[in-house]
Amino acid sequence: MLVEELFLENIRCFRELSLKFGQGGEHKKWITFLGENGGGKSTALQALALLLAGPEGAQQLLPRPHGWVRNQEKPGRIRIRIQQGEADPGQYGTEARSFGYSYFMTDHS
């Protein structure tokens, strides 16, 4: 399984962020996150982990996303696009080996 894109909207310090890790068969073996403290590196990695855990896993890992939603007036969203490898188990669609899903969160304390 290869991550093609991670998208965050209205999450912590990000109004909107799209990180593309590879498309059209071109993927990097290593990705490095570099930035100032408080720049969102950990947020991006935590969002990636939640999405890779799947919808049920994300709900268990983060049942109340207190502090995740930047602007309380609208929901936050994290989204992923994944490319299934030939050796990966399961089938996600008929022909497309790429799929994605979103996870929405609200923070009504």
N, C-alpha and C. Protein backbone atom coordinates (compact mmCIF):
# COMPACT_ATOMS: atom_id res chain seq x y z
N MET A 1 0.85 -1.16 0.00
CA MET A 1 0.00 0.00 0.00
C MET A 1 0.90 1.23 0.00
N LEU A 2 0.56 2.18 -0.86
CA LEU A 2 1.31 3.42 -0.97
C LEU A 2 0.37 4.60 -0.80
N VAL A 3 0.78 5.57 -0.02
CA VAL A 3 -0.02 6.77 0.17
C VAL A 3 0.29 7.73 -0.98
N GLU A 4 -0.75 8.14 -1.71
CA GLU A 4 -0.57 9.09 -2.80
C GLU A 4 -0.73 10.53 -2.33
N GLU A 5 -1.75 10.77 -1.47
CA GLU A 5 -2.02 12.13 -1.04
C GLU A 5 -2.65 12.15 0.35
N LEU A 6 -2.29 13.15 1.12
CA LEU A 6 -2.90 13.43 2.42
C LEU A 6 -3.43 14.85 2.34
N PHE A 7 -4.69 15.03 2.72
CA PHE A 7 -5.35 16.33 2.65
C PHE A 7 -5.96 16.66 4.01
N LEU A 8 -5.68 17.85 4.51
CA LEU A 8 -6.25 18.33 5.77
C LEU A 8 -6.95 19.65 5.52
N GLU A 9 -8.14 19.78 6.05
CA GLU A 9 -8.90 21.02 5.92
C GLU A 9 -9.51 21.38 7.27
N ASN A 10 -9.21 22.60 7.73
CA ASN A 10 -9.72 23.10 9.00
C ASN A 10 -9.27 22.23 10.18
N ILE A 11 -8.02 21.81 10.14
CA ILE A 11 -7.44 20.96 11.18
C ILE A 11 -6.26 21.71 11.81
N ARG A 12 -6.35 21.88 13.12
CA ARG A 12 -5.32 22.56 13.93
C ARG A 12 -4.76 23.79 13.23
N CYS A 13 -3.48 23.81 12.88
CA CYS A 13 -2.88 25.02 12.30
C CYS A 13 -3.14 25.15 10.80
N PHE A 14 -3.80 24.17 10.19
CA PHE A 14 -4.00 24.18 8.74
C PHE A 14 -5.41 24.62 8.34
N ARG A 15 -5.48 25.65 7.53
CA ARG A 15 -6.77 25.95 6.88
C ARG A 15 -7.00 24.87 5.82
N GLU A 16 -5.97 24.64 5.02
CA GLU A 16 -6.03 23.61 3.98
C GLU A 16 -4.60 23.20 3.64
N LEU A 17 -4.40 21.89 3.57
CA LEU A 17 -3.07 21.36 3.24
C LEU A 17 -3.24 20.13 2.37
N SER A 18 -2.47 20.05 1.31
CA SER A 18 -2.44 18.87 0.46
C SER A 18 -0.99 18.44 0.29
N LEU A 19 -0.68 17.24 0.74
CA LEU A 19 0.66 16.67 0.59
C LEU A 19 0.56 15.53 -0.41
N LYS A 20 1.26 15.64 -1.52
CA LYS A 20 1.24 14.59 -2.54
C LYS A 20 2.56 13.82 -2.44
N PHE A 21 2.43 12.51 -2.24
CA PHE A 21 3.60 11.66 -2.04
C PHE A 21 4.00 10.91 -3.29
N GLY A 22 3.17 10.92 -4.29
CA GLY A 22 3.49 10.22 -5.53
C GLY A 22 2.23 9.97 -6.32
N GLN A 23 2.36 10.04 -7.64
CA GLN A 23 1.22 9.79 -8.51
C GLN A 23 1.72 9.11 -9.77
N GLY A 24 0.81 8.39 -10.41
CA GLY A 24 1.14 7.77 -11.69
C GLY A 24 2.28 6.78 -11.62
N GLY A 25 2.37 6.05 -10.52
CA GLY A 25 3.42 5.03 -10.40
C GLY A 25 4.73 5.56 -9.85
N GLU A 26 4.87 6.88 -9.72
CA GLU A 26 6.10 7.46 -9.19
C GLU A 26 5.93 7.67 -7.69
N HIS A 27 6.66 6.91 -6.89
CA HIS A 27 6.57 7.03 -5.43
C HIS A 27 7.97 7.12 -4.85
N LYS A 28 8.06 7.88 -3.80
CA LYS A 28 9.34 8.05 -3.10
C LYS A 28 9.47 6.99 -2.02
N LYS A 29 10.68 6.51 -1.80
CA LYS A 29 10.90 5.54 -0.73
C LYS A 29 10.90 6.21 0.63
N TRP A 30 11.39 7.43 0.70
CA TRP A 30 11.48 8.15 1.96
C TRP A 30 10.90 9.54 1.79
N ILE A 31 10.19 10.00 2.81
CA ILE A 31 9.65 11.36 2.85
C ILE A 31 10.15 11.97 4.15
N THR A 32 10.63 13.20 4.09
CA THR A 32 11.13 13.91 5.27
C THR A 32 10.26 15.12 5.53
N PHE A 33 9.82 15.29 6.77
CA PHE A 33 9.07 16.47 7.18
C PHE A 33 10.04 17.36 7.94
N LEU A 34 10.18 18.58 7.49
CA LEU A 34 11.10 19.52 8.12
C LEU A 34 10.37 20.84 8.31
N GLY A 35 10.45 21.41 9.50
CA GLY A 35 9.79 22.69 9.73
C GLY A 35 9.99 23.15 11.16
N GLU A 36 9.56 24.37 11.40
CA GLU A 36 9.66 24.97 12.73
C GLU A 36 8.74 24.25 13.71
N ASN A 37 9.05 24.38 15.00
CA ASN A 37 8.16 23.86 16.04
C ASN A 37 6.80 24.53 15.89
N GLY A 38 5.74 23.75 16.04
CA GLY A 38 4.39 24.28 15.90
C GLY A 38 3.94 24.45 14.47
N GLY A 39 4.72 23.95 13.52
CA GLY A 39 4.39 24.11 12.10
C GLY A 39 3.42 23.09 11.54
N GLY A 40 3.12 22.03 12.33
CA GLY A 40 2.13 21.06 11.89
C GLY A 40 2.66 19.71 11.47
N LYS A 41 3.95 19.45 11.67
CA LYS A 41 4.52 18.16 11.27
C LYS A 41 3.84 17.01 12.01
N SER A 42 3.71 17.12 13.31
CA SER A 42 3.07 16.06 14.11
C SER A 42 1.60 15.92 13.77
N THR A 43 0.93 17.02 13.51
CA THR A 43 -0.49 16.97 13.13
C THR A 43 -0.66 16.18 11.85
N ALA A 44 0.19 16.45 10.84
CA ALA A 44 0.10 15.73 9.57
C ALA A 44 0.35 14.24 9.78
N LEU A 45 1.34 13.89 10.58
CA LEU A 45 1.65 12.48 10.83
C LEU A 45 0.55 11.79 11.63
N GLN A 46 -0.03 12.49 12.61
CA GLN A 46 -1.13 11.91 13.38
C GLN A 46 -2.36 11.71 12.51
N ALA A 47 -2.65 12.67 11.64
CA ALA A 47 -3.79 12.53 10.72
C ALA A 47 -3.56 11.35 9.79
N LEU A 48 -2.35 11.19 9.30
CA LEU A 48 -2.01 10.06 8.44
C LEU A 48 -2.23 8.74 9.18
N ALA A 49 -1.81 8.69 10.43
CA ALA A 49 -1.99 7.47 11.23
C ALA A 49 -3.48 7.17 11.45
N LEU A 50 -4.28 8.19 11.72
CA LEU A 50 -5.72 7.98 11.90
C LEU A 50 -6.34 7.42 10.64
N LEU A 51 -5.98 7.97 9.51
CA LEU A 51 -6.56 7.51 8.24
C LEU A 51 -6.10 6.10 7.89
N LEU A 52 -4.85 5.78 8.16
CA LEU A 52 -4.36 4.43 7.87
C LEU A 52 -4.98 3.39 8.80
N ALA A 53 -5.43 3.84 9.97
CA ALA A 53 -6.11 2.93 10.90
C ALA A 53 -7.50 2.57 10.39
N GLY A 54 -8.02 3.34 9.44
CA GLY A 54 -9.35 3.09 8.89
C GLY A 54 -10.40 3.80 9.71
N PRO A 55 -11.63 3.89 9.19
CA PRO A 55 -12.68 4.64 9.88
C PRO A 55 -12.97 4.14 11.29
N GLU A 56 -13.04 2.83 11.48
CA GLU A 56 -13.33 2.30 12.81
C GLU A 56 -12.15 2.52 13.75
N GLY A 57 -10.95 2.33 13.25
CA GLY A 57 -9.76 2.55 14.05
C GLY A 57 -9.60 4.01 14.45
N ALA A 58 -9.89 4.92 13.51
CA ALA A 58 -9.80 6.35 13.80
C ALA A 58 -10.78 6.74 14.90
N GLN A 59 -11.98 6.18 14.84
CA GLN A 59 -13.00 6.48 15.86
C GLN A 59 -12.55 5.99 17.24
N GLN A 60 -11.88 4.84 17.27
CA GLN A 60 -11.39 4.32 18.55
C GLN A 60 -10.18 5.12 19.06
N LEU A 61 -9.30 5.52 18.15
CA LEU A 61 -8.11 6.26 18.55
C LEU A 61 -8.42 7.70 18.96
N LEU A 62 -9.44 8.28 18.33
CA LEU A 62 -9.77 9.68 18.59
C LEU A 62 -11.29 9.83 18.67
N PRO A 63 -11.91 9.33 19.76
CA PRO A 63 -13.37 9.39 19.86
C PRO A 63 -13.91 10.82 19.96
N ARG A 64 -13.18 11.70 20.61
CA ARG A 64 -13.57 13.12 20.70
C ARG A 64 -12.39 13.95 20.24
N PRO A 65 -12.45 14.51 19.06
CA PRO A 65 -11.30 15.24 18.52
C PRO A 65 -11.15 16.66 19.09
N HIS A 66 -11.17 16.76 20.41
CA HIS A 66 -11.03 18.06 21.07
C HIS A 66 -9.68 18.68 20.69
N GLY A 67 -9.72 19.91 20.21
CA GLY A 67 -8.51 20.62 19.85
C GLY A 67 -8.05 20.39 18.42
N TRP A 68 -8.72 19.55 17.67
CA TRP A 68 -8.31 19.28 16.30
C TRP A 68 -8.93 20.24 15.30
N VAL A 69 -10.14 20.70 15.55
CA VAL A 69 -10.83 21.54 14.59
C VAL A 69 -10.41 22.99 14.77
N ARG A 70 -9.92 23.58 13.72
CA ARG A 70 -9.38 24.95 13.74
C ARG A 70 -10.48 25.98 13.95
N ASN A 71 -11.51 25.94 13.12
CA ASN A 71 -12.63 26.87 13.17
C ASN A 71 -13.88 26.08 13.54
N GLN A 72 -14.43 26.35 14.71
CA GLN A 72 -15.56 25.58 15.23
C GLN A 72 -16.84 25.75 14.40
N GLU A 73 -16.87 26.72 13.50
CA GLU A 73 -18.06 26.98 12.69
C GLU A 73 -18.30 25.93 11.61
N LYS A 74 -17.26 25.17 11.27
CA LYS A 74 -17.41 24.14 10.25
C LYS A 74 -16.59 22.92 10.64
N PRO A 75 -16.93 21.75 10.10
CA PRO A 75 -16.20 20.54 10.48
C PRO A 75 -14.79 20.52 9.88
N GLY A 76 -13.91 19.81 10.56
CA GLY A 76 -12.59 19.55 10.02
C GLY A 76 -12.67 18.30 9.17
N ARG A 77 -11.73 18.17 8.24
CA ARG A 77 -11.73 16.98 7.39
C ARG A 77 -10.30 16.55 7.13
N ILE A 78 -10.06 15.25 7.25
CA ILE A 78 -8.80 14.67 6.83
C ILE A 78 -9.14 13.64 5.76
N ARG A 79 -8.33 13.60 4.72
CA ARG A 79 -8.62 12.72 3.58
C ARG A 79 -7.33 12.08 3.11
N ILE A 80 -7.46 10.88 2.60
CA ILE A 80 -6.29 10.16 2.10
C ILE A 80 -6.62 9.53 0.76
N ARG A 81 -5.62 9.41 -0.08
CA ARG A 81 -5.72 8.64 -1.32
C ARG A 81 -4.59 7.62 -1.27
N ILE A 82 -4.97 6.36 -1.42
CA ILE A 82 -4.03 5.24 -1.28
C ILE A 82 -4.02 4.42 -2.56
N GLN A 83 -2.84 3.94 -2.90
CA GLN A 83 -2.72 3.02 -4.04
C GLN A 83 -2.45 1.63 -3.49
N GLN A 84 -3.30 0.70 -3.87
CA GLN A 84 -3.16 -0.68 -3.42
C GLN A 84 -2.07 -1.36 -4.25
N GLY A 85 -1.15 -2.02 -3.56
CA GLY A 85 -0.09 -2.75 -4.24
C GLY A 85 -0.56 -4.12 -4.68
N GLU A 86 0.17 -4.72 -5.58
CA GLU A 86 -0.19 -6.05 -6.10
C GLU A 86 -0.24 -7.10 -4.99
N ALA A 87 0.62 -6.98 -3.99
CA ALA A 87 0.70 -7.97 -2.93
C ALA A 87 -0.20 -7.65 -1.74
N ASP A 88 -0.90 -6.51 -1.78
CA ASP A 88 -1.77 -6.13 -0.67
C ASP A 88 -3.04 -6.98 -0.67
N PRO A 89 -3.49 -7.40 0.53
CA PRO A 89 -4.71 -8.21 0.59
C PRO A 89 -5.96 -7.38 0.34
N GLY A 90 -7.04 -8.05 -0.01
CA GLY A 90 -8.33 -7.39 -0.19
C GLY A 90 -8.48 -6.79 -1.56
N GLN A 91 -9.69 -6.41 -1.87
CA GLN A 91 -10.01 -5.80 -3.16
C GLN A 91 -10.81 -4.54 -2.90
N TYR A 92 -10.40 -3.44 -3.48
CA TYR A 92 -11.08 -2.17 -3.31
C TYR A 92 -11.53 -1.68 -4.68
N GLY A 93 -12.64 -2.18 -5.15
CA GLY A 93 -13.14 -1.81 -6.47
C GLY A 93 -12.80 -2.88 -7.48
N THR A 94 -13.19 -2.65 -8.69
CA THR A 94 -13.01 -3.67 -9.72
C THR A 94 -11.69 -3.53 -10.45
N GLU A 95 -11.39 -2.34 -10.97
CA GLU A 95 -10.17 -2.17 -11.74
C GLU A 95 -9.19 -1.20 -11.09
N ALA A 96 -9.73 -0.14 -10.53
CA ALA A 96 -8.86 0.90 -9.97
C ALA A 96 -8.08 0.35 -8.78
N ARG A 97 -6.82 0.58 -8.78
CA ARG A 97 -5.97 0.16 -7.68
C ARG A 97 -5.74 1.32 -6.71
N SER A 98 -6.42 2.43 -6.96
CA SER A 98 -6.28 3.60 -6.12
C SER A 98 -7.65 3.95 -5.53
N PHE A 99 -7.68 4.29 -4.26
CA PHE A 99 -8.94 4.63 -3.60
C PHE A 99 -8.67 5.66 -2.51
N GLY A 100 -9.72 6.28 -2.04
CA GLY A 100 -9.56 7.27 -0.99
C GLY A 100 -10.80 7.34 -0.13
N TYR A 101 -10.66 7.98 1.02
CA TYR A 101 -11.79 8.24 1.89
C TYR A 101 -11.47 9.42 2.78
N SER A 102 -12.53 10.01 3.33
CA SER A 102 -12.42 11.19 4.20
C SER A 102 -12.95 10.85 5.59
N TYR A 103 -12.45 11.57 6.57
CA TYR A 103 -12.91 11.47 7.95
C TYR A 103 -13.22 12.89 8.40
N PHE A 104 -14.47 13.14 8.76
CA PHE A 104 -14.89 14.46 9.20
C PHE A 104 -14.92 14.49 10.73
N MET A 105 -14.60 15.65 11.30
CA MET A 105 -14.64 15.77 12.76
C MET A 105 -15.18 17.13 13.15
N THR A 106 -15.90 17.14 14.25
CA THR A 106 -16.39 18.37 14.86
C THR A 106 -15.91 18.40 16.30
N ASP A 107 -15.80 19.59 16.83
CA ASP A 107 -15.33 19.76 18.21
C ASP A 107 -16.31 20.65 18.95
N HIS A 108 -17.43 20.06 19.32
CA HIS A 108 -18.44 20.80 20.08
C HIS A 108 -18.29 20.45 21.55
N SER A 109 -17.50 21.27 22.25
CA SER A 109 -17.23 21.00 23.67
C SER A 109 -18.38 21.44 24.53
